[in-house]
N, C-alpha and C. Protein backbone atom coordinates (compact mmCIF):
# COMPACT_ATOMS: atom_id res chain seq x y z
N MET A 1 -8.97 -234.64 29.44
CA MET A 1 -9.29 -236.35 29.71
C MET A 1 -7.90 -237.33 30.17
N LEU A 2 -8.24 -237.99 30.93
CA LEU A 2 -7.10 -238.63 31.19
C LEU A 2 -6.81 -239.66 30.63
N THR A 3 -5.98 -239.87 29.87
CA THR A 3 -5.46 -241.25 28.99
C THR A 3 -4.71 -241.93 30.00
N PHE A 4 -4.26 -243.27 29.38
CA PHE A 4 -3.60 -244.35 30.40
C PHE A 4 -2.40 -243.84 30.17
N ARG A 5 -2.07 -243.25 29.57
CA ARG A 5 -0.39 -242.39 29.35
C ARG A 5 -0.28 -241.50 30.34
N ARG A 6 -1.39 -240.69 30.47
CA ARG A 6 -1.23 -239.39 31.75
C ARG A 6 -1.63 -240.06 32.94
N ILE A 7 -2.27 -241.24 32.97
CA ILE A 7 -2.26 -241.90 34.53
C ILE A 7 -0.98 -242.53 34.89
N ALA A 8 -0.34 -243.25 33.90
CA ALA A 8 0.88 -243.76 34.19
C ALA A 8 2.15 -242.69 34.32
N GLY A 9 2.07 -241.44 33.95
CA GLY A 9 2.90 -240.60 34.28
C GLY A 9 2.54 -239.80 35.62
N LEU A 10 1.30 -239.63 35.96
CA LEU A 10 1.34 -239.29 36.86
C LEU A 10 1.43 -240.49 38.35
N ALA A 11 1.14 -241.65 37.98
CA ALA A 11 1.30 -242.84 38.97
C ALA A 11 2.93 -242.85 39.46
N LEU A 12 3.53 -242.70 38.11
CA LEU A 12 4.96 -242.94 38.28
C LEU A 12 5.92 -241.47 39.02
N ALA A 13 5.14 -240.36 38.89
CA ALA A 13 5.48 -239.40 39.89
C ALA A 13 5.14 -239.30 41.32
N ALA A 14 4.28 -239.79 41.54
CA ALA A 14 3.63 -239.98 42.87
C ALA A 14 4.19 -241.09 43.67
N LEU A 15 4.57 -242.24 42.78
CA LEU A 15 5.37 -243.48 43.34
C LEU A 15 6.92 -242.94 43.53
N SER A 16 7.16 -242.10 42.60
CA SER A 16 8.42 -241.99 43.05
C SER A 16 9.02 -240.63 44.23
N GLY A 17 7.65 -239.62 44.39
CA GLY A 17 7.75 -239.16 45.30
C GLY A 17 7.66 -239.65 46.77
N TRP A 18 6.56 -240.86 46.48
CA TRP A 18 6.86 -241.43 47.80
C TRP A 18 8.22 -242.13 48.29
N LEU A 19 8.72 -242.66 47.36
CA LEU A 19 10.02 -242.95 47.49
C LEU A 19 11.15 -242.29 47.97
N LEU A 20 10.99 -241.12 47.50
CA LEU A 20 11.78 -239.43 47.96
C LEU A 20 11.78 -239.43 49.18
N TRP A 21 10.36 -239.40 49.60
CA TRP A 21 10.09 -238.97 50.98
C TRP A 21 10.54 -239.80 52.11
N GLN A 22 10.49 -241.06 51.85
CA GLN A 22 10.89 -242.44 52.30
C GLN A 22 12.56 -242.20 53.00
N GLY A 23 13.12 -241.71 51.60
CA GLY A 23 14.85 -241.39 52.10
C GLY A 23 15.06 -240.04 52.64
N LEU A 24 13.92 -239.03 52.26
CA LEU A 24 14.38 -237.82 53.22
C LEU A 24 13.80 -238.16 54.67
N GLU A 25 12.81 -238.90 55.07
CA GLU A 25 12.25 -239.19 56.43
C GLU A 25 13.35 -239.73 57.26
N GLY A 26 14.37 -240.67 56.57
CA GLY A 26 15.58 -241.26 57.14
C GLY A 26 16.47 -240.40 57.35
N VAL A 27 16.73 -239.30 56.82
CA VAL A 27 17.80 -238.43 56.71
C VAL A 27 17.14 -237.05 57.89
N LEU A 28 15.92 -237.18 57.99
CA LEU A 28 15.39 -236.10 58.94
C LEU A 28 15.43 -236.70 60.47
N MET A 29 15.04 -237.82 60.30
CA MET A 29 15.48 -238.63 61.53
C MET A 29 16.40 -238.94 61.88
N MET A 30 17.49 -238.93 61.23
CA MET A 30 19.07 -239.15 61.57
C MET A 30 19.67 -237.25 62.31
N THR A 31 19.33 -236.66 61.45
CA THR A 31 19.49 -235.45 62.25
C THR A 31 18.64 -234.93 63.10
N SER A 32 17.64 -235.28 63.41
CA SER A 32 16.92 -234.87 64.62
C SER A 32 17.72 -235.41 65.94
N ARG A 33 18.28 -236.47 65.74
CA ARG A 33 18.83 -237.46 66.57
C ARG A 33 20.30 -236.90 66.95
N GLY A 34 20.61 -235.59 66.01
CA GLY A 34 21.77 -235.36 66.59
C GLY A 34 22.95 -235.23 65.46
N SER A 35 22.87 -235.98 64.51
CA SER A 35 24.05 -235.82 63.28
C SER A 35 23.83 -234.75 62.56
N SER A 36 24.80 -234.76 61.85
CA SER A 36 24.89 -233.49 60.90
C SER A 36 24.26 -234.05 59.64
N LEU A 37 24.10 -232.84 59.06
CA LEU A 37 23.33 -233.60 57.41
C LEU A 37 24.49 -234.06 56.40
N ALA A 38 25.88 -233.51 56.75
CA ALA A 38 26.66 -234.41 55.91
C ALA A 38 27.07 -235.84 56.42
N GLN A 39 26.98 -236.14 57.51
CA GLN A 39 26.94 -237.31 58.12
C GLN A 39 25.40 -238.48 57.73
N SER A 40 24.24 -237.82 57.38
CA SER A 40 22.87 -238.34 57.32
C SER A 40 22.88 -238.44 55.98
N VAL A 41 23.53 -237.58 55.10
CA VAL A 41 23.18 -237.74 53.72
C VAL A 41 24.57 -238.56 52.89
N ASP A 42 24.42 -239.90 53.13
CA ASP A 42 25.73 -240.77 52.29
C ASP A 42 25.28 -241.00 50.76
N LEU A 43 26.34 -241.76 50.40
CA LEU A 43 25.86 -242.12 48.66
C LEU A 43 24.52 -242.53 48.46
N LEU A 44 24.14 -243.58 49.13
CA LEU A 44 23.34 -244.14 48.82
C LEU A 44 21.60 -243.33 49.01
N ASN A 45 21.50 -242.29 49.85
CA ASN A 45 20.66 -241.52 50.20
C ASN A 45 20.99 -240.34 49.09
N GLY A 46 21.95 -239.75 48.79
CA GLY A 46 22.04 -239.01 47.55
C GLY A 46 21.60 -239.53 46.14
N TRP A 47 22.15 -240.55 45.97
CA TRP A 47 21.71 -241.44 44.89
C TRP A 47 20.12 -241.69 44.87
N ARG A 48 19.47 -242.02 45.88
CA ARG A 48 17.87 -242.15 45.93
C ARG A 48 17.32 -240.87 45.41
N PHE A 49 17.94 -239.82 46.16
CA PHE A 49 17.13 -238.68 46.01
C PHE A 49 17.72 -238.16 44.37
N VAL A 50 18.23 -238.38 43.67
CA VAL A 50 18.62 -238.27 42.51
C VAL A 50 17.75 -238.89 41.52
N ALA A 51 17.50 -240.28 41.90
CA ALA A 51 16.84 -241.18 41.02
C ALA A 51 15.73 -240.82 41.00
N SER A 52 14.90 -240.68 42.34
CA SER A 52 13.85 -240.13 42.35
C SER A 52 13.36 -238.94 42.16
N GLY A 53 14.09 -237.76 42.01
CA GLY A 53 14.09 -236.24 41.50
C GLY A 53 13.62 -236.73 40.00
N ILE A 54 14.39 -237.27 39.30
CA ILE A 54 14.64 -237.38 37.72
C ILE A 54 13.42 -238.09 37.28
N ALA A 55 13.15 -239.29 38.38
CA ALA A 55 11.66 -239.94 37.68
C ALA A 55 10.71 -238.90 38.01
N ILE A 56 10.51 -238.31 39.23
CA ILE A 56 9.37 -237.32 39.46
C ILE A 56 9.03 -236.28 38.00
N ILE A 57 10.19 -235.75 37.72
CA ILE A 57 10.19 -235.01 36.36
C ILE A 57 9.71 -235.48 35.42
N GLY A 58 10.65 -236.66 34.87
CA GLY A 58 10.25 -237.60 33.66
C GLY A 58 8.59 -238.31 33.67
N GLY A 59 8.22 -238.30 34.87
CA GLY A 59 6.63 -238.78 35.02
C GLY A 59 5.86 -237.61 34.86
N LEU A 60 6.13 -236.78 35.37
CA LEU A 60 5.23 -235.17 34.78
C LEU A 60 5.25 -235.02 33.70
N LEU A 61 6.48 -234.69 33.00
CA LEU A 61 6.83 -234.43 31.69
C LEU A 61 5.80 -235.62 30.75
N ALA A 62 6.10 -236.64 31.08
CA ALA A 62 5.36 -237.52 30.06
C ALA A 62 3.83 -237.30 30.19
N ALA A 63 3.22 -237.25 31.65
CA ALA A 63 1.96 -236.88 31.82
C ALA A 63 1.47 -235.75 31.05
N THR A 64 2.07 -234.81 30.76
CA THR A 64 1.67 -233.71 30.06
C THR A 64 1.89 -233.71 28.47
N SER A 65 2.75 -234.71 28.04
CA SER A 65 3.00 -235.16 26.71
C SER A 65 4.29 -234.57 26.11
N VAL A 66 5.37 -233.92 27.08
CA VAL A 66 6.12 -233.28 26.77
C VAL A 66 6.99 -234.77 25.97
N ARG A 67 7.78 -234.19 24.72
CA ARG A 67 8.70 -234.77 24.00
C ARG A 67 9.57 -235.40 24.86
N PHE A 68 10.00 -236.77 24.83
CA PHE A 68 11.21 -237.04 25.83
C PHE A 68 10.94 -236.90 27.22
N GLY A 69 9.68 -237.01 27.61
CA GLY A 69 9.22 -237.11 29.14
C GLY A 69 9.52 -238.68 29.23
N ALA A 70 9.11 -239.75 28.77
CA ALA A 70 9.29 -240.98 29.17
C ALA A 70 10.84 -241.30 28.79
N VAL A 71 11.76 -240.55 28.41
CA VAL A 71 12.85 -241.02 28.13
C VAL A 71 13.85 -240.49 29.75
N VAL A 72 13.31 -239.35 30.15
CA VAL A 72 13.81 -239.00 31.25
C VAL A 72 13.20 -239.89 32.37
N ALA A 73 12.24 -240.42 32.44
CA ALA A 73 11.48 -241.38 33.32
C ALA A 73 12.40 -242.52 33.12
N LEU A 74 12.79 -243.01 32.16
CA LEU A 74 13.24 -243.99 31.98
C LEU A 74 14.74 -244.14 32.91
N VAL A 75 15.52 -242.71 32.48
CA VAL A 75 16.85 -242.72 33.17
C VAL A 75 16.81 -242.88 34.98
N GLY A 76 15.75 -241.96 35.28
CA GLY A 76 15.23 -242.03 36.59
C GLY A 76 15.08 -243.44 37.36
N THR A 77 14.02 -244.32 36.16
CA THR A 77 14.17 -245.74 36.58
C THR A 77 14.92 -246.70 36.63
N LEU A 78 16.07 -246.31 35.66
CA LEU A 78 16.92 -247.28 36.03
C LEU A 78 18.19 -246.80 36.61
N LEU A 79 18.23 -245.53 37.32
CA LEU A 79 18.83 -245.08 38.34
C LEU A 79 18.43 -246.01 39.59
N PHE A 80 17.14 -245.60 39.82
CA PHE A 80 16.73 -246.15 41.02
C PHE A 80 16.55 -247.86 41.07
N ALA A 81 16.43 -248.35 40.06
CA ALA A 81 16.50 -250.11 39.72
C ALA A 81 18.33 -250.52 39.94
N ALA A 82 19.11 -249.49 39.74
CA ALA A 82 20.48 -249.94 40.03
C ALA A 82 21.02 -249.71 41.35
N LEU A 83 20.14 -248.77 42.26
CA LEU A 83 19.95 -248.64 43.64
C LEU A 83 19.69 -249.69 44.41
N ALA A 84 18.71 -250.26 43.91
CA ALA A 84 17.89 -251.30 44.53
C ALA A 84 19.28 -252.45 44.31
N ALA A 85 19.92 -252.65 42.96
CA ALA A 85 20.84 -253.79 42.68
C ALA A 85 22.04 -253.90 43.83
N ALA A 86 22.34 -252.54 43.82
CA ALA A 86 23.49 -252.04 44.48
C ALA A 86 23.11 -252.60 46.09
N PHE A 87 21.91 -252.22 46.75
CA PHE A 87 21.83 -252.64 48.03
C PHE A 87 22.08 -254.26 48.03
N ILE A 88 21.29 -254.85 47.17
CA ILE A 88 21.15 -256.54 46.98
C ILE A 88 22.54 -256.90 46.96
N LEU A 89 23.74 -256.32 46.23
CA LEU A 89 24.86 -257.23 45.97
C LEU A 89 25.73 -256.37 47.16
N ALA A 90 25.22 -255.64 47.73
CA ALA A 90 26.29 -255.19 48.90
C ALA A 90 25.69 -256.33 50.30
N GLY A 91 24.92 -257.18 50.33
CA GLY A 91 24.61 -257.87 51.04
C GLY A 91 23.73 -257.47 52.19
N THR A 92 23.06 -256.55 52.15
CA THR A 92 22.35 -255.96 53.18
C THR A 92 21.00 -256.96 53.53
N ASP A 93 20.73 -256.71 54.44
CA ASP A 93 19.52 -257.37 55.10
C ASP A 93 18.22 -256.71 54.31
N SER A 94 17.69 -257.96 53.69
CA SER A 94 16.41 -257.88 53.01
C SER A 94 15.54 -256.67 53.40
N SER A 95 15.37 -256.35 54.58
CA SER A 95 14.19 -255.22 55.20
C SER A 95 14.68 -254.19 54.85
N LEU A 96 16.12 -253.83 54.57
CA LEU A 96 16.46 -252.60 54.07
C LEU A 96 16.46 -252.07 52.66
N TRP A 97 16.19 -253.21 51.63
CA TRP A 97 16.03 -253.09 50.23
C TRP A 97 14.94 -253.36 49.80
N MET A 98 13.98 -254.12 50.40
CA MET A 98 12.51 -254.24 49.99
C MET A 98 11.93 -253.27 49.51
N ASP A 99 12.01 -252.32 49.99
CA ASP A 99 10.79 -251.18 49.26
C ASP A 99 11.53 -250.65 48.04
N GLU A 100 12.80 -250.74 48.18
CA GLU A 100 13.32 -250.19 46.88
C GLU A 100 13.27 -250.98 45.49
N VAL A 101 13.12 -252.37 46.15
CA VAL A 101 12.93 -253.60 44.77
C VAL A 101 11.49 -253.45 44.41
N ILE A 102 10.63 -253.45 45.60
CA ILE A 102 9.06 -253.18 44.99
C ILE A 102 8.73 -251.97 44.39
N GLY A 103 9.59 -251.10 44.51
CA GLY A 103 9.28 -249.50 43.96
C GLY A 103 10.02 -249.53 42.63
N ALA A 104 11.36 -250.30 42.54
CA ALA A 104 11.72 -250.12 41.15
C ALA A 104 11.07 -250.81 40.82
N ALA A 105 10.28 -252.03 40.82
CA ALA A 105 9.16 -252.92 39.92
C ALA A 105 8.39 -252.19 39.46
N GLY A 106 7.50 -251.34 40.32
CA GLY A 106 6.51 -250.67 40.01
C GLY A 106 6.81 -249.58 39.12
N MET A 107 7.93 -248.85 39.50
CA MET A 107 8.33 -248.03 38.29
C MET A 107 8.95 -248.44 36.91
N ILE A 108 9.37 -249.64 36.74
CA ILE A 108 9.40 -250.31 35.68
C ILE A 108 8.52 -250.85 34.91
N VAL A 109 7.40 -251.01 35.39
CA VAL A 109 6.12 -251.19 34.80
C VAL A 109 5.15 -249.98 34.16
N LEU A 110 5.35 -248.96 35.27
CA LEU A 110 4.96 -247.89 34.70
C LEU A 110 5.79 -246.82 33.39
N THR A 111 7.14 -246.92 33.53
CA THR A 111 8.05 -246.52 32.72
C THR A 111 7.75 -247.16 31.39
N GLY A 112 7.77 -248.59 31.34
CA GLY A 112 7.27 -249.60 30.32
C GLY A 112 6.31 -248.91 29.64
N ALA A 113 4.87 -248.54 30.10
CA ALA A 113 3.74 -248.26 29.75
C ALA A 113 3.65 -246.76 29.06
N LEU A 114 4.97 -245.88 29.65
CA LEU A 114 4.89 -244.82 29.16
C LEU A 114 5.68 -244.70 27.95
N LEU A 115 6.59 -245.59 27.84
CA LEU A 115 7.65 -246.06 26.64
C LEU A 115 7.03 -246.32 25.46
N PHE A 116 6.04 -247.33 25.47
CA PHE A 116 5.40 -247.77 24.72
C PHE A 116 4.17 -247.67 24.16
N ILE A 117 3.42 -246.90 25.05
CA ILE A 117 2.08 -246.28 24.14
C ILE A 117 2.39 -244.95 23.74
N ARG A 118 1.86 -244.64 22.51
CA ARG A 118 2.00 -243.59 21.83
C ARG A 118 1.44 -242.39 22.59
N ARG A 119 2.31 -241.00 22.22
CA ARG A 119 1.74 -239.68 22.72
C ARG A 119 0.70 -239.24 21.61
N ARG A 120 -0.29 -238.51 22.36
CA ARG A 120 -1.21 -237.75 21.33
C ARG A 120 -1.47 -236.52 21.05
């Protein structure tokens, strides 16, 4: 039976996977145009991959009711929210960071649900 906590964990994993794919798509586009992989993966892309990967793992752990799965999801969510804040504080154009901000907001809501709804 799908409980709200399980749905929130799966939704967090899906949202994080989509955000991971967006970052990977940019790297793939740059490498297809002749850049090396080392030039394509900069600090912010690496940060995005790590944060999204941790959030995916945490969402899946929480969906399967593994102990501390929500805490792992929280770490990934905080890293991704910090990535959005880094984009904003760097003064980049809003078209570059709007996906991160919207994604981080969704991740915060879903992680909050995971943290405050009890496991069964």
